[in-house]
Structure formats: C-alpha cells, structure tokens
Amino acid sequence: MGQIILRLDRVMADRKMSLNDLSEKVGVSNVNLSKMKNGKISAIRFSTLEAICDALDCQPGDILEYDKTAPKTDVTE
C-alpha cells in the first residue's frame, strides 16, 4: 500500500511564500501549516485545502501526491 505525500513546501517555495504569509491568507495557525508542510497530518478539510489552493494559486494535485511504492507511515509518531 502506498501513501499520500504532501508537497506544500515545494509549492510554497515556488511561489516564494513564507509560512507566516500563508497562515495569514488561509486563516490556519502556523503550527498546523507547519505540520502539513512536514507531512505530519492524517487528514485535511476540503475548506482548508481550498483556501490553500486559492492563496497559492494552485490545484490540489500540486500539493498532494500519491506514491504507490512508498511504505505507509504512521503520522501519530
């Protein structure tokens, strides 16, 4: 079984947007965005994903990637 990989850090770097700037635009705390950026979450609300995509002018597929060959990891570690 594969896993979903979050590429938020890559998209933010491409857009030259800091975590603080994204936090202000999206209305999500720096801590939660940092966890997302580092792949330490197990779920995301569609409304949050929509706000991130709006702020970064991107598509969900730019942020989320499915790697069929990657071993599934437990985000609660």
C-alpha atoms as a PDB file:
ATOM      1  CA  MET A   1       0.000   0.000   0.000  1.00  0.00           C
ATOM      2  CA  GLY A   2       1.305   3.464  -0.880  1.00  0.00           C
ATOM      3  CA  GLN A   3       0.927   6.793   0.807  1.00  0.00           C
ATOM      4  CA  ILE A   4      -0.126  10.375   0.159  1.00  0.00           C
ATOM      5  CA  ILE A   5       2.820  12.771   0.128  1.00  0.00           C
ATOM      6  CA  LEU A   6       2.301  16.450   0.869  1.00  0.00           C
ATOM      7  CA  ARG A   7       4.244  18.838  -1.370  1.00  0.00           C
ATOM      8  CA  LEU A   8       3.162  22.061   0.313  1.00  0.00           C
ATOM      9  CA  ASP A   9       6.773  23.041   0.970  1.00  0.00           C
ATOM     10  CA  ARG A  10       7.621  22.785  -2.731  1.00  0.00           C
ATOM     11  CA  VAL A  11       4.619  24.846  -3.842  1.00  0.00           C
ATOM     12  CA  MET A  12       5.309  27.491  -1.192  1.00  0.00           C
ATOM     13  CA  ALA A  13       8.933  27.729  -2.338  1.00  0.00           C
ATOM     14  CA  ASP A  14       7.857  28.035  -5.986  1.00  0.00           C
ATOM     15  CA  ARG A  15       5.520  30.884  -5.011  1.00  0.00           C
ATOM     16  CA  LYS A  16       8.114  32.426  -2.652  1.00  0.00           C
ATOM     17  CA  MET A  17       5.548  32.432   0.149  1.00  0.00           C
ATOM     18  CA  SER A  18       6.505  32.080   3.801  1.00  0.00           C
ATOM     19  CA  LEU A  19       4.636  30.038   6.366  1.00  0.00           C
ATOM     20  CA  ASN A  20       3.568  33.265   8.110  1.00  0.00           C
ATOM     21  CA  ASP A  21       2.194  34.753   4.874  1.00  0.00           C
ATOM     22  CA  LEU A  22       0.273  31.593   4.038  1.00  0.00           C
ATOM     23  CA  SER A  23      -1.055  31.361   7.588  1.00  0.00           C
ATOM     24  CA  GLU A  24      -2.447  34.903   7.373  1.00  0.00           C
ATOM     25  CA  LYS A  25      -4.037  34.326   3.957  1.00  0.00           C
ATOM     26  CA  VAL A  26      -5.563  30.953   4.833  1.00  0.00           C
ATOM     27  CA  GLY A  27      -6.551  31.593   8.451  1.00  0.00           C
ATOM     28  CA  VAL A  28      -4.804  28.476   9.740  1.00  0.00           C
ATOM     29  CA  SER A  29      -2.216  28.581  12.521  1.00  0.00           C
ATOM     30  CA  ASN A  30       1.495  28.394  11.742  1.00  0.00           C
ATOM     31  CA  VAL A  31       1.704  25.223  13.828  1.00  0.00           C
ATOM     32  CA  ASN A  32      -0.941  23.416  11.775  1.00  0.00           C
ATOM     33  CA  LEU A  33       0.531  24.584   8.473  1.00  0.00           C
ATOM     34  CA  SER A  34       3.979  23.513   9.648  1.00  0.00           C
ATOM     35  CA  LYS A  35       2.645  20.037  10.433  1.00  0.00           C
ATOM     36  CA  MET A  36       1.090  19.909   6.977  1.00  0.00           C
ATOM     37  CA  LYS A  37       4.268  21.153   5.349  1.00  0.00           C
ATOM     38  CA  ASN A  38       6.249  18.413   7.099  1.00  0.00           C
ATOM     39  CA  GLY A  39       3.715  15.678   6.333  1.00  0.00           C
ATOM     40  CA  LYS A  40       2.714  15.169   9.969  1.00  0.00           C
ATOM     41  CA  ILE A  41      -1.052  15.198   9.447  1.00  0.00           C
ATOM     42  CA  SER A  42      -3.523  12.411   8.775  1.00  0.00           C
ATOM     43  CA  ALA A  43      -6.397  14.497   7.400  1.00  0.00           C
ATOM     44  CA  ILE A  44      -7.201  17.859   5.863  1.00  0.00           C
ATOM     45  CA  ARG A  45     -10.544  19.603   5.497  1.00  0.00           C
ATOM     46  CA  PHE A  46     -11.610  20.460   1.986  1.00  0.00           C
ATOM     47  CA  SER A  47     -12.231  24.044   3.096  1.00  0.00           C
ATOM     48  CA  THR A  48      -8.593  24.291   4.253  1.00  0.00           C
ATOM     49  CA  LEU A  49      -7.335  22.716   1.029  1.00  0.00           C
ATOM     50  CA  GLU A  50      -9.469  25.147  -0.992  1.00  0.00           C
ATOM     51  CA  ALA A  51      -8.101  28.127   0.960  1.00  0.00           C
ATOM     52  CA  ILE A  52      -4.511  26.945   0.466  1.00  0.00           C
ATOM     53  CA  CYS A  53      -5.057  26.408  -3.252  1.00  0.00           C
ATOM     54  CA  ASP A  54      -6.607  29.870  -3.528  1.00  0.00           C
ATOM     55  CA  ALA A  55      -3.740  31.535  -1.647  1.00  0.00           C
ATOM     56  CA  LEU A  56      -1.060  29.685  -3.636  1.00  0.00           C
ATOM     57  CA  ASP A  57      -2.942  29.810  -6.954  1.00  0.00           C
ATOM     58  CA  CYS A  58      -2.544  26.077  -7.447  1.00  0.00           C
ATOM     59  CA  GLN A  59      -4.517  22.848  -7.796  1.00  0.00           C
ATOM     60  CA  PRO A  60      -4.889  20.165  -5.079  1.00  0.00           C
ATOM     61  CA  GLY A  61      -2.739  17.867  -7.220  1.00  0.00           C
ATOM     62  CA  ASP A  62       0.118  20.350  -6.900  1.00  0.00           C
ATOM     63  CA  ILE A  63       0.083  19.819  -3.124  1.00  0.00           C
ATOM     64  CA  LEU A  64      -0.969  16.172  -2.826  1.00  0.00           C
ATOM     65  CA  GLU A  65       0.841  13.286  -4.486  1.00  0.00           C
ATOM     66  CA  TYR A  66       0.188   9.551  -4.262  1.00  0.00           C
ATOM     67  CA  ASP A  67       3.264   7.323  -4.194  1.00  0.00           C
ATOM     68  CA  LYS A  68       2.209   3.747  -4.810  1.00  0.00           C
ATOM     69  CA  THR A  69       5.628   2.357  -3.889  1.00  0.00           C
ATOM     70  CA  ALA A  70       6.171   4.260  -0.636  1.00  0.00           C
ATOM     71  CA  PRO A  71       5.521   2.370   2.585  1.00  0.00           C
ATOM     72  CA  LYS A  72       2.625   3.724   4.604  1.00  0.00           C
ATOM     73  CA  THR A  73       3.820   5.701   7.616  1.00  0.00           C
ATOM     74  CA  ASP A  74       2.033   6.403  10.868  1.00  0.00           C
ATOM     75  CA  VAL A  75       1.638  10.174  11.336  1.00  0.00           C
ATOM     76  CA  THR A  76       0.957   9.798  15.050  1.00  0.00           C
ATOM     77  CA  GLU A  77       4.625   9.086  15.823  1.00  0.00           C
END
